[in-house]
Every structure is written in structure tokens, then in C-alpha cells.
Amino acid sequence: MFYSGGSYIEWQIGYAISEDGSEWEKYINNPVLSYGNAGDYDATNVSHCSVIRDTINNQYKMWYVGAQSDESGHIGYATAPDILNVHSQ
């Protein structure tokens, strides 16, 4: 499961796994997607993600909301060859 978490405006995307859907274990190297650099559209916040597995290109694709402080969000896009090494585009 991917989830968003953080302080008031500095959110990041983490990953957790569960054997039974009741007890969850957070990935030790969270966050899997962190906010961007100063001035980027996602400088302080990445959240609300959706992930698919592209079996043709053998990669994962993630769309997420990125924002700077209190500004409106923008749609971000990230890819990864495996589910735990996400890189924004």
C-alpha cells in the first residue's frame, strides 16, 4: 500500500505491506517519493498517489499531487523499475 504522510504541509509518499490487511509494516527506507527542490511544483508536498504496473515496459507508474506550500496542487508523474525506487519525471 502507498500512503501519504508528514507534517502540516510537508507530505511525502510511503509504502507499507501487510500479510492479512489488518497489521501493516512500514517500509524501512520510507519515503519512497519525497518532495522536490525549492522552486519545483512539488517543493513541499507529494500526496494522493495512484500506481499501476506497466507489464509491457516492465515498470511501475505513479501519478501524484505535488504542491508548493499553500499553492494549488499539480499532477506529478513518476516511474520505477521496481515498486520501491520511484523517481519523479
C-alpha atoms as a PDB file:
ATOM      1  CA  MET A   1       0.000   0.000   0.000  1.00  0.00           C
ATOM      2  CA  PHE A   2       1.181   3.508  -0.766  1.00  0.00           C
ATOM      3  CA  TYR A   3       0.176   6.269   1.627  1.00  0.00           C
ATOM      4  CA  SER A   4       0.744   9.984   2.227  1.00  0.00           C
ATOM      5  CA  GLY A   5       2.095  11.279   5.492  1.00  0.00           C
ATOM      6  CA  GLY A   6       4.031  14.093   7.061  1.00  0.00           C
ATOM      7  CA  SER A   7       3.625  17.404   8.812  1.00  0.00           C
ATOM      8  CA  TYR A   8       1.052  20.097   8.025  1.00  0.00           C
ATOM      9  CA  ILE A   9       2.316  20.978   4.510  1.00  0.00           C
ATOM     10  CA  GLU A  10       5.366  18.757   4.029  1.00  0.00           C
ATOM     11  CA  TRP A  11       3.874  15.455   2.897  1.00  0.00           C
ATOM     12  CA  GLN A  12       5.715  12.546   1.310  1.00  0.00           C
ATOM     13  CA  ILE A  13       4.679   9.142  -0.045  1.00  0.00           C
ATOM     14  CA  GLY A  14       5.482   5.985   1.880  1.00  0.00           C
ATOM     15  CA  TYR A  15       4.961   2.265   1.351  1.00  0.00           C
ATOM     16  CA  ALA A  16       3.696  -0.429   3.718  1.00  0.00           C
ATOM     17  CA  ILE A  17       2.939  -4.138   3.383  1.00  0.00           C
ATOM     18  CA  SER A  18       0.517  -6.451   5.165  1.00  0.00           C
ATOM     19  CA  GLU A  19       0.043 -10.210   5.191  1.00  0.00           C
ATOM     20  CA  ASP A  20      -3.534 -10.001   6.480  1.00  0.00           C
ATOM     21  CA  GLY A  21      -4.733  -6.454   5.706  1.00  0.00           C
ATOM     22  CA  SER A  22      -5.001  -5.737   9.419  1.00  0.00           C
ATOM     23  CA  GLU A  23      -1.430  -5.312  10.643  1.00  0.00           C
ATOM     24  CA  TRP A  24       0.840  -3.163   8.472  1.00  0.00           C
ATOM     25  CA  GLU A  25       4.620  -2.850   8.402  1.00  0.00           C
ATOM     26  CA  LYS A  26       6.139   0.344   7.007  1.00  0.00           C
ATOM     27  CA  TYR A  27       8.983   0.006   4.520  1.00  0.00           C
ATOM     28  CA  ILE A  28      12.248   0.759   6.344  1.00  0.00           C
ATOM     29  CA  ASN A  29      13.528   3.170   3.664  1.00  0.00           C
ATOM     30  CA  ASN A  30      10.420   5.387   3.506  1.00  0.00           C
ATOM     31  CA  PRO A  31       9.634   7.741   1.939  1.00  0.00           C
ATOM     32  CA  VAL A  32       9.577   6.118  -1.494  1.00  0.00           C
ATOM     33  CA  LEU A  33       8.795   9.519  -3.058  1.00  0.00           C
ATOM     34  CA  SER A  34       9.866  12.731  -1.369  1.00  0.00           C
ATOM     35  CA  TYR A  35       9.017  16.318  -2.237  1.00  0.00           C
ATOM     36  CA  GLY A  36      11.108  18.186  -4.799  1.00  0.00           C
ATOM     37  CA  ASN A  37      13.631  21.007  -4.609  1.00  0.00           C
ATOM     38  CA  ALA A  38      12.869  24.649  -3.768  1.00  0.00           C
ATOM     39  CA  GLY A  39      11.015  26.243  -6.682  1.00  0.00           C
ATOM     40  CA  ASP A  40       9.734  22.924  -8.093  1.00  0.00           C
ATOM     41  CA  TYR A  41       5.971  22.424  -8.434  1.00  0.00           C
ATOM     42  CA  ASP A  42       6.221  19.716  -5.738  1.00  0.00           C
ATOM     43  CA  ALA A  43       8.657  21.566  -3.444  1.00  0.00           C
ATOM     44  CA  THR A  44       6.886  20.853  -0.147  1.00  0.00           C
ATOM     45  CA  ASN A  45       4.205  18.261  -0.767  1.00  0.00           C
ATOM     46  CA  VAL A  46       3.687  14.976  -2.627  1.00  0.00           C
ATOM     47  CA  SER A  47       0.498  13.084  -1.813  1.00  0.00           C
ATOM     48  CA  HIS A  48      -2.622  11.337  -3.131  1.00  0.00           C
ATOM     49  CA  CYS A  49      -0.906   8.839  -5.401  1.00  0.00           C
ATOM     50  CA  SER A  50      -2.169   6.216  -7.791  1.00  0.00           C
ATOM     51  CA  VAL A  51       0.127   3.431  -9.040  1.00  0.00           C
ATOM     52  CA  ILE A  52      -0.101   0.975 -11.922  1.00  0.00           C
ATOM     53  CA  ARG A  53       2.244  -1.746 -13.151  1.00  0.00           C
ATOM     54  CA  ASP A  54       3.128  -1.464 -16.837  1.00  0.00           C
ATOM     55  CA  THR A  55       3.890  -5.061 -17.802  1.00  0.00           C
ATOM     56  CA  ILE A  56       4.794  -4.168 -21.401  1.00  0.00           C
ATOM     57  CA  ASN A  57       7.611  -1.791 -20.348  1.00  0.00           C
ATOM     58  CA  ASN A  58       8.334  -3.635 -17.088  1.00  0.00           C
ATOM     59  CA  GLN A  59       7.982  -0.616 -14.806  1.00  0.00           C
ATOM     60  CA  TYR A  60       5.687   0.993 -12.270  1.00  0.00           C
ATOM     61  CA  LYS A  61       4.000   4.318 -12.982  1.00  0.00           C
ATOM     62  CA  MET A  62       2.795   6.708 -10.293  1.00  0.00           C
ATOM     63  CA  TRP A  63       0.650   9.819 -10.600  1.00  0.00           C
ATOM     64  CA  TYR A  64       0.516  12.086  -7.558  1.00  0.00           C
ATOM     65  CA  VAL A  65      -0.393  15.573  -6.384  1.00  0.00           C
ATOM     66  CA  GLY A  66       2.576  17.891  -5.847  1.00  0.00           C
ATOM     67  CA  ALA A  67       2.455  21.408  -4.388  1.00  0.00           C
ATOM     68  CA  GLN A  68       4.496  24.295  -3.015  1.00  0.00           C
ATOM     69  CA  SER A  69       3.398  25.376   0.470  1.00  0.00           C
ATOM     70  CA  ASP A  70      -0.229  26.504   0.284  1.00  0.00           C
ATOM     71  CA  GLU A  71      -0.464  26.730  -3.534  1.00  0.00           C
ATOM     72  CA  SER A  72      -2.826  24.640  -5.617  1.00  0.00           C
ATOM     73  CA  GLY A  73      -1.668  21.135  -6.432  1.00  0.00           C
ATOM     74  CA  HIS A  74      -0.295  19.908  -9.736  1.00  0.00           C
ATOM     75  CA  ILE A  75      -0.317  16.384 -11.132  1.00  0.00           C
ATOM     76  CA  GLY A  76       3.112  14.758 -10.952  1.00  0.00           C
ATOM     77  CA  TYR A  77       4.356  11.629 -12.693  1.00  0.00           C
ATOM     78  CA  ALA A  78       6.998   9.171 -11.502  1.00  0.00           C
ATOM     79  CA  THR A  79       8.323   5.830 -12.750  1.00  0.00           C
ATOM     80  CA  ALA A  80      10.337   2.960 -11.312  1.00  0.00           C
ATOM     81  CA  PRO A  81      11.682  -0.393 -12.497  1.00  0.00           C
ATOM     82  CA  ASP A  82      10.613  -1.790  -9.141  1.00  0.00           C
ATOM     83  CA  ILE A  83       7.996  -0.618  -6.698  1.00  0.00           C
ATOM     84  CA  LEU A  84      10.427   0.834  -4.138  1.00  0.00           C
ATOM     85  CA  ASN A  85      12.660   3.037  -6.337  1.00  0.00           C
ATOM     86  CA  VAL A  86      10.315   5.741  -7.587  1.00  0.00           C
ATOM     87  CA  HIS A  87      11.734   8.742  -9.487  1.00  0.00           C
ATOM     88  CA  SER A  88       9.688  11.790 -10.458  1.00  0.00           C
ATOM     89  CA  GLN A  89       9.772  12.996 -14.052  1.00  0.00           C
END
